Amino acid sequence: MPSIIYSFAVFLIGGLVLFVYNICTNVSLIQYDIKDWWIFLLLALIPNIFGHALFNWLLKYVDATTISMAILGEPIGAIILAYFLLGEMTTVSQLVGGMIVMISVMIFLKYKAAELEKVTALQEKSNIS
């Protein structure tokens, strides 16, 4: 299935579930300020279309474990953006946790690259023989 169809189906079902939830809990669907509507639009475009849809598309080209490891960097990116855009201060535990995650991702990517080199070398060796 093409990733665009999959992403559309996932976003449509998610939107319908949230619509039903809002109706059942009497949450307003339209009474928001224009600023809120811009925030809703940005939340729909940036994390969903440029985030989830991009990861789904990348599954054709990159191993799923590599993508799942890359997703672990999202909270770190959010912390950095919150610092620069919103003036949020980071805590020591956020810094330590972020460093642990980044070191873990780097170790994984290094291991994955070494594994890919071994596979490539074996394929070249079998082609020569």
Foldseek 3Di string as FASTA:
>chain_A
DQLVVVLVVVVVVVVVVVVVVCVVVVNDDPPDDPVVVVVVVCVCPCCRVVNVSVLSNCVVPDPPVLSVLVVLCVVVVVVVCCCVPVVDDDDPVRVVVNVVSVVVNVVVVVVVVVVVVVVVVVVVVVVVD
